[in-house]
């Protein structure tokens, strides 16, 4: 019985920690609106760090750094902490809401001076979220009640992307 209680405490602590991370990211984004100082960020390294952060779940994660690979860094102007927050939220969602034993693909590409992350996952039997609501603060998609979450992750992604002059799109395909 005590092991179950300890496991429940550990899960609650992990959820609280994720919520704190998201709330801190929101606060950082709000602060950055007022004092946004851009720096050169190597996205190839950010991708590598994010993949390492998602171990051991990363065994289902496929990373495609395109023709550049990590030997040819992909540089952008931004704030590394904010870009890491975007990427970590995208990967957290993709891994959390994917069908078991399915692959999540993260692709970093650079075309005509534009850099993009693409995250692809298979939802399995979980209904796809509505494109109109997926970036709404505190919104959780249908069929997600049993999955730990706050409904802040994709809202943060969109907020930060806009702050850095980027955009985020969702495609249910």
C-alpha atoms as a PDB file:
ATOM      1  CA  UNK A   1       0.000   0.000   0.000  1.00  0.00           C
ATOM      2  CA  UNK A   2       2.764   2.464   0.884  1.00  0.00           C
ATOM      3  CA  UNK A   3       4.387   1.937  -2.537  1.00  0.00           C
ATOM      4  CA  UNK A   4       1.137   2.981  -4.225  1.00  0.00           C
ATOM      5  CA  UNK A   5       0.990   6.030  -1.999  1.00  0.00           C
ATOM      6  CA  UNK A   6       4.591   6.937  -2.809  1.00  0.00           C
ATOM      7  CA  UNK A   7       3.889   6.470  -6.508  1.00  0.00           C
ATOM      8  CA  UNK A   8       0.849   8.764  -6.232  1.00  0.00           C
ATOM      9  CA  UNK A   9       2.926  11.375  -4.439  1.00  0.00           C
ATOM     10  CA  UNK A  10       5.642  11.166  -7.113  1.00  0.00           C
ATOM     11  CA  UNK A  11       3.074  11.582  -9.891  1.00  0.00           C
ATOM     12  CA  UNK A  12       1.514  14.567  -8.134  1.00  0.00           C
ATOM     13  CA  UNK A  13       4.936  16.120  -7.677  1.00  0.00           C
ATOM     14  CA  UNK A  14       5.715  15.615 -11.367  1.00  0.00           C
ATOM     15  CA  UNK A  15       2.407  17.259 -12.405  1.00  0.00           C
ATOM     16  CA  UNK A  16       3.042  20.180 -10.039  1.00  0.00           C
ATOM     17  CA  UNK A  17       6.553  20.561 -11.422  1.00  0.00           C
ATOM     18  CA  UNK A  18       5.257  20.640 -15.021  1.00  0.00           C
ATOM     19  CA  UNK A  19       2.638  23.218 -14.064  1.00  0.00           C
ATOM     20  CA  UNK A  20       5.300  25.379 -12.390  1.00  0.00           C
ATOM     21  CA  UNK A  21       7.488  25.109 -15.503  1.00  0.00           C
ATOM     22  CA  UNK A  22       4.584  26.255 -17.657  1.00  0.00           C
ATOM     23  CA  UNK A  23       3.654  29.113 -15.337  1.00  0.00           C
ATOM     24  CA  UNK A  24       7.289  30.234 -15.234  1.00  0.00           C
ATOM     25  CA  UNK A  25       7.407  30.094 -19.029  1.00  0.00           C
ATOM     26  CA  UNK A  26       4.287  32.286 -19.162  1.00  0.00           C
ATOM     27  CA  UNK A  27       5.904  34.762 -16.780  1.00  0.00           C
ATOM     28  CA  UNK A  28       9.100  34.734 -18.850  1.00  0.00           C
ATOM     29  CA  UNK A  29       7.097  35.356 -22.022  1.00  0.00           C
ATOM     30  CA  UNK A  30       5.267  38.265 -20.370  1.00  0.00           C
ATOM     31  CA  UNK A  31       8.573  39.736 -19.186  1.00  0.00           C
ATOM     32  CA  UNK A  32      10.133  39.212 -22.600  1.00  0.00           C
ATOM     33  CA  UNK A  33       7.366  41.273 -24.227  1.00  0.00           C
ATOM     34  CA  UNK A  34       8.740  44.265 -22.398  1.00  0.00           C
ATOM     35  CA  UNK A  35      12.461  43.491 -22.548  1.00  0.00           C
ATOM     36  CA  UNK A  36      13.023  41.142 -25.472  1.00  0.00           C
ATOM     37  CA  UNK A  37      16.774  40.846 -26.021  1.00  0.00           C
ATOM     38  CA  UNK A  38      17.524  38.648 -29.008  1.00  0.00           C
ATOM     39  CA  UNK A  39      20.579  36.416 -29.175  1.00  0.00           C
ATOM     40  CA  UNK A  40      21.977  33.963 -31.697  1.00  0.00           C
ATOM     41  CA  UNK A  41      20.569  30.504 -30.958  1.00  0.00           C
ATOM     42  CA  UNK A  42      21.844  27.247 -32.451  1.00  0.00           C
ATOM     43  CA  UNK A  43      18.617  25.300 -33.057  1.00  0.00           C
ATOM     44  CA  UNK A  44      20.475  22.052 -33.745  1.00  0.00           C
ATOM     45  CA  UNK A  45      21.813  22.105 -30.179  1.00  0.00           C
ATOM     46  CA  UNK A  46      18.422  23.091 -28.754  1.00  0.00           C
ATOM     47  CA  UNK A  47      16.911  20.057 -30.511  1.00  0.00           C
ATOM     48  CA  UNK A  48      19.608  17.759 -29.125  1.00  0.00           C
ATOM     49  CA  UNK A  49      19.105  19.088 -25.581  1.00  0.00           C
ATOM     50  CA  UNK A  50      15.333  18.728 -25.835  1.00  0.00           C
ATOM     51  CA  UNK A  51      15.601  15.141 -27.023  1.00  0.00           C
ATOM     52  CA  UNK A  52      17.921  14.320 -24.110  1.00  0.00           C
ATOM     53  CA  UNK A  53      15.439  15.980 -21.722  1.00  0.00           C
ATOM     54  CA  UNK A  54      12.725  13.613 -22.924  1.00  0.00           C
ATOM     55  CA  UNK A  55      14.619  10.425 -22.125  1.00  0.00           C
ATOM     56  CA  UNK A  56      13.548   7.654 -21.535  1.00  0.00           C
ATOM     57  CA  UNK A  57      10.433   8.450 -23.588  1.00  0.00           C
ATOM     58  CA  UNK A  58      12.718   9.444 -26.451  1.00  0.00           C
ATOM     59  CA  UNK A  59      12.977   5.839 -27.644  1.00  0.00           C
ATOM     60  CA  UNK A  60       9.814   6.538 -29.669  1.00  0.00           C
ATOM     61  CA  UNK A  61      11.162   9.881 -30.881  1.00  0.00           C
ATOM     62  CA  UNK A  62      12.655  10.174 -34.360  1.00  0.00           C
ATOM     63  CA  UNK A  63      14.680  13.325 -35.023  1.00  0.00           C
ATOM     64  CA  UNK A  64      15.305  14.602 -38.545  1.00  0.00           C
ATOM     65  CA  UNK A  65      17.736  17.499 -38.747  1.00  0.00           C
ATOM     66  CA  UNK A  66      17.441  17.628 -42.517  1.00  0.00           C
ATOM     67  CA  UNK A  67      20.425  18.016 -44.813  1.00  0.00           C
ATOM     68  CA  UNK A  68      22.186  20.276 -42.309  1.00  0.00           C
ATOM     69  CA  UNK A  69      22.515  17.712 -39.517  1.00  0.00           C
ATOM     70  CA  UNK A  70      24.192  18.841 -36.315  1.00  0.00           C
ATOM     71  CA  UNK A  71      27.519  19.436 -38.043  1.00  0.00           C
ATOM     72  CA  UNK A  72      26.044  22.470 -39.853  1.00  0.00           C
ATOM     73  CA  UNK A  73      24.299  24.484 -37.120  1.00  0.00           C
ATOM     74  CA  UNK A  74      21.005  26.204 -37.836  1.00  0.00           C
ATOM     75  CA  UNK A  75      21.199  29.697 -36.322  1.00  0.00           C
ATOM     76  CA  UNK A  76      18.316  32.053 -35.590  1.00  0.00           C
ATOM     77  CA  UNK A  77      17.844  35.224 -33.597  1.00  0.00           C
ATOM     78  CA  UNK A  78      15.675  34.638 -30.531  1.00  0.00           C
ATOM     79  CA  UNK A  79      15.914  33.733 -26.872  1.00  0.00           C
ATOM     80  CA  UNK A  80      17.198  30.247 -26.189  1.00  0.00           C
ATOM     81  CA  UNK A  81      15.062  29.714 -23.065  1.00  0.00           C
ATOM     82  CA  UNK A  82      11.894  30.666 -24.953  1.00  0.00           C
ATOM     83  CA  UNK A  83      12.727  28.469 -27.955  1.00  0.00           C
ATOM     84  CA  UNK A  84      13.496  25.572 -25.607  1.00  0.00           C
ATOM     85  CA  UNK A  85      10.089  26.130 -23.981  1.00  0.00           C
ATOM     86  CA  UNK A  86       8.353  25.932 -27.366  1.00  0.00           C
ATOM     87  CA  UNK A  87      10.146  22.779 -28.397  1.00  0.00           C
ATOM     88  CA  UNK A  88       9.740  21.065 -25.019  1.00  0.00           C
ATOM     89  CA  UNK A  89       6.005  21.762 -24.962  1.00  0.00           C
ATOM     90  CA  UNK A  90       5.593  20.449 -28.509  1.00  0.00           C
ATOM     91  CA  UNK A  91       7.504  17.267 -27.686  1.00  0.00           C
ATOM     92  CA  UNK A  92       5.725  16.796 -24.342  1.00  0.00           C
ATOM     93  CA  UNK A  93       2.335  17.014 -26.047  1.00  0.00           C
ATOM     94  CA  UNK A  94       3.299  14.765 -28.933  1.00  0.00           C
ATOM     95  CA  UNK A  95       4.738  12.071 -26.673  1.00  0.00           C
ATOM     96  CA  UNK A  96       1.940  12.333 -24.115  1.00  0.00           C
ATOM     97  CA  UNK A  97      -0.950  12.168 -26.574  1.00  0.00           C
ATOM     98  CA  UNK A  98       0.466   9.633 -29.046  1.00  0.00           C
ATOM     99  CA  UNK A  99      -0.844   6.129 -29.394  1.00  0.00           C
ATOM    100  CA  UNK A 100       1.279   3.622 -27.488  1.00  0.00           C
ATOM    101  CA  UNK A 101       4.172   2.166 -29.479  1.00  0.00           C
ATOM    102  CA  UNK A 102       3.830   4.860 -32.133  1.00  0.00           C
ATOM    103  CA  UNK A 103       6.588   7.086 -33.408  1.00  0.00           C
ATOM    104  CA  UNK A 104       6.849  10.829 -32.854  1.00  0.00           C
ATOM    105  CA  UNK A 105       8.877  12.688 -35.476  1.00  0.00           C
ATOM    106  CA  UNK A 106      10.607  16.003 -34.877  1.00  0.00           C
ATOM    107  CA  UNK A 107      11.911  17.693 -37.999  1.00  0.00           C
ATOM    108  CA  UNK A 108      14.072  20.804 -38.136  1.00  0.00           C
ATOM    109  CA  UNK A 109      14.243  22.384 -41.579  1.00  0.00           C
ATOM    110  CA  UNK A 110      15.535  25.550 -43.169  1.00  0.00           C
ATOM    111  CA  UNK A 111      14.131  26.642 -46.521  1.00  0.00           C
ATOM    112  CA  UNK A 112      14.558  30.024 -48.213  1.00  0.00           C
ATOM    113  CA  UNK A 113      15.756  31.608 -44.967  1.00  0.00           C
ATOM    114  CA  UNK A 114      12.802  30.301 -42.927  1.00  0.00           C
ATOM    115  CA  UNK A 115      13.404  27.829 -40.121  1.00  0.00           C
ATOM    116  CA  UNK A 116      10.704  25.496 -38.874  1.00  0.00           C
ATOM    117  CA  UNK A 117      10.071  22.716 -36.423  1.00  0.00           C
ATOM    118  CA  UNK A 118       7.577  20.096 -37.470  1.00  0.00           C
ATOM    119  CA  UNK A 119       6.293  17.616 -34.901  1.00  0.00           C
ATOM    120  CA  UNK A 120       4.254  14.669 -36.159  1.00  0.00           C
ATOM    121  CA  UNK A 121       2.504  12.114 -34.000  1.00  0.00           C
ATOM    122  CA  UNK A 122      -0.243   9.486 -34.220  1.00  0.00           C
ATOM    123  CA  UNK A 123      -3.133  10.117 -31.831  1.00  0.00           C
ATOM    124  CA  UNK A 124      -4.463   6.576 -32.205  1.00  0.00           C
ATOM    125  CA  UNK A 125      -8.043   6.460 -30.906  1.00  0.00           C
ATOM    126  CA  UNK A 126      -7.857   9.859 -29.170  1.00  0.00           C
ATOM    127  CA  UNK A 127     -10.008  12.350 -31.089  1.00  0.00           C
ATOM    128  CA  UNK A 128      -8.034  15.114 -32.796  1.00  0.00           C
ATOM    129  CA  UNK A 129      -8.379  18.487 -31.097  1.00  0.00           C
ATOM    130  CA  UNK A 130     -10.320  21.237 -32.819  1.00  0.00           C
ATOM    131  CA  UNK A 131      -8.033  23.559 -34.828  1.00  0.00           C
ATOM    132  CA  UNK A 132     -10.102  26.478 -33.510  1.00  0.00           C
ATOM    133  CA  UNK A 133      -9.439  25.582 -29.864  1.00  0.00           C
ATOM    134  CA  UNK A 134      -6.057  23.857 -29.785  1.00  0.00           C
ATOM    135  CA  UNK A 135      -4.153  27.053 -28.834  1.00  0.00           C
ATOM    136  CA  UNK A 136      -6.745  28.323 -26.324  1.00  0.00           C
ATOM    137  CA  UNK A 137      -5.503  28.839 -22.778  1.00  0.00           C
ATOM    138  CA  UNK A 138      -6.576  25.983 -20.441  1.00  0.00           C
ATOM    139  CA  UNK A 139      -8.297  24.080 -23.264  1.00  0.00           C
ATOM    140  CA  UNK A 140      -7.931  20.309 -23.183  1.00  0.00           C
ATOM    141  CA  UNK A 141      -8.998  18.254 -26.152  1.00  0.00           C
ATOM    142  CA  UNK A 142     -11.653  15.540 -26.172  1.00  0.00           C
ATOM    143  CA  UNK A 143     -10.592  12.225 -24.679  1.00  0.00           C
ATOM    144  CA  UNK A 144      -7.754  13.710 -22.613  1.00  0.00           C
ATOM    145  CA  UNK A 145      -9.286  13.668 -19.126  1.00  0.00           C
ATOM    146  CA  UNK A 146      -7.240  10.629 -18.070  1.00  0.00           C
ATOM    147  CA  UNK A 147      -3.983  12.225 -19.271  1.00  0.00           C
ATOM    148  CA  UNK A 148      -2.195  14.653 -16.952  1.00  0.00           C
ATOM    149  CA  UNK A 149      -2.124  18.180 -18.327  1.00  0.00           C
ATOM    150  CA  UNK A 150      -3.078  21.806 -17.741  1.00  0.00           C
ATOM    151  CA  UNK A 151      -4.170  23.032 -21.156  1.00  0.00           C
ATOM    152  CA  UNK A 152      -1.355  25.594 -21.151  1.00  0.00           C
ATOM    153  CA  UNK A 153       1.285  23.904 -23.319  1.00  0.00           C
ATOM    154  CA  UNK A 154       0.096  24.816 -26.811  1.00  0.00           C
ATOM    155  CA  UNK A 155      -1.105  28.220 -25.629  1.00  0.00           C
ATOM    156  CA  UNK A 156       2.479  28.846 -24.459  1.00  0.00           C
ATOM    157  CA  UNK A 157       3.845  27.611 -27.766  1.00  0.00           C
ATOM    158  CA  UNK A 158       1.691  30.061 -29.720  1.00  0.00           C
ATOM    159  CA  UNK A 159       2.377  32.968 -27.334  1.00  0.00           C
ATOM    160  CA  UNK A 160       6.140  32.487 -27.496  1.00  0.00           C
ATOM    161  CA  UNK A 161       6.196  31.894 -31.251  1.00  0.00           C
ATOM    162  CA  UNK A 162       4.362  35.178 -31.829  1.00  0.00           C
ATOM    163  CA  UNK A 163       6.606  37.003 -29.379  1.00  0.00           C
ATOM    164  CA  UNK A 164       9.673  35.861 -31.332  1.00  0.00           C
ATOM    165  CA  UNK A 165       8.136  36.854 -34.662  1.00  0.00           C
ATOM    166  CA  UNK A 166       7.194  33.310 -35.646  1.00  0.00           C
ATOM    167  CA  UNK A 167       4.002  31.419 -36.036  1.00  0.00           C
ATOM    168  CA  UNK A 168       2.628  28.040 -35.118  1.00  0.00           C
ATOM    169  CA  UNK A 169       0.055  26.049 -37.032  1.00  0.00           C
ATOM    170  CA  UNK A 170      -1.842  22.864 -36.289  1.00  0.00           C
ATOM    171  CA  UNK A 171      -2.891  20.276 -38.817  1.00  0.00           C
ATOM    172  CA  UNK A 172      -4.962  17.285 -37.714  1.00  0.00           C
ATOM    173  CA  UNK A 173      -3.563  15.188 -40.559  1.00  0.00           C
END
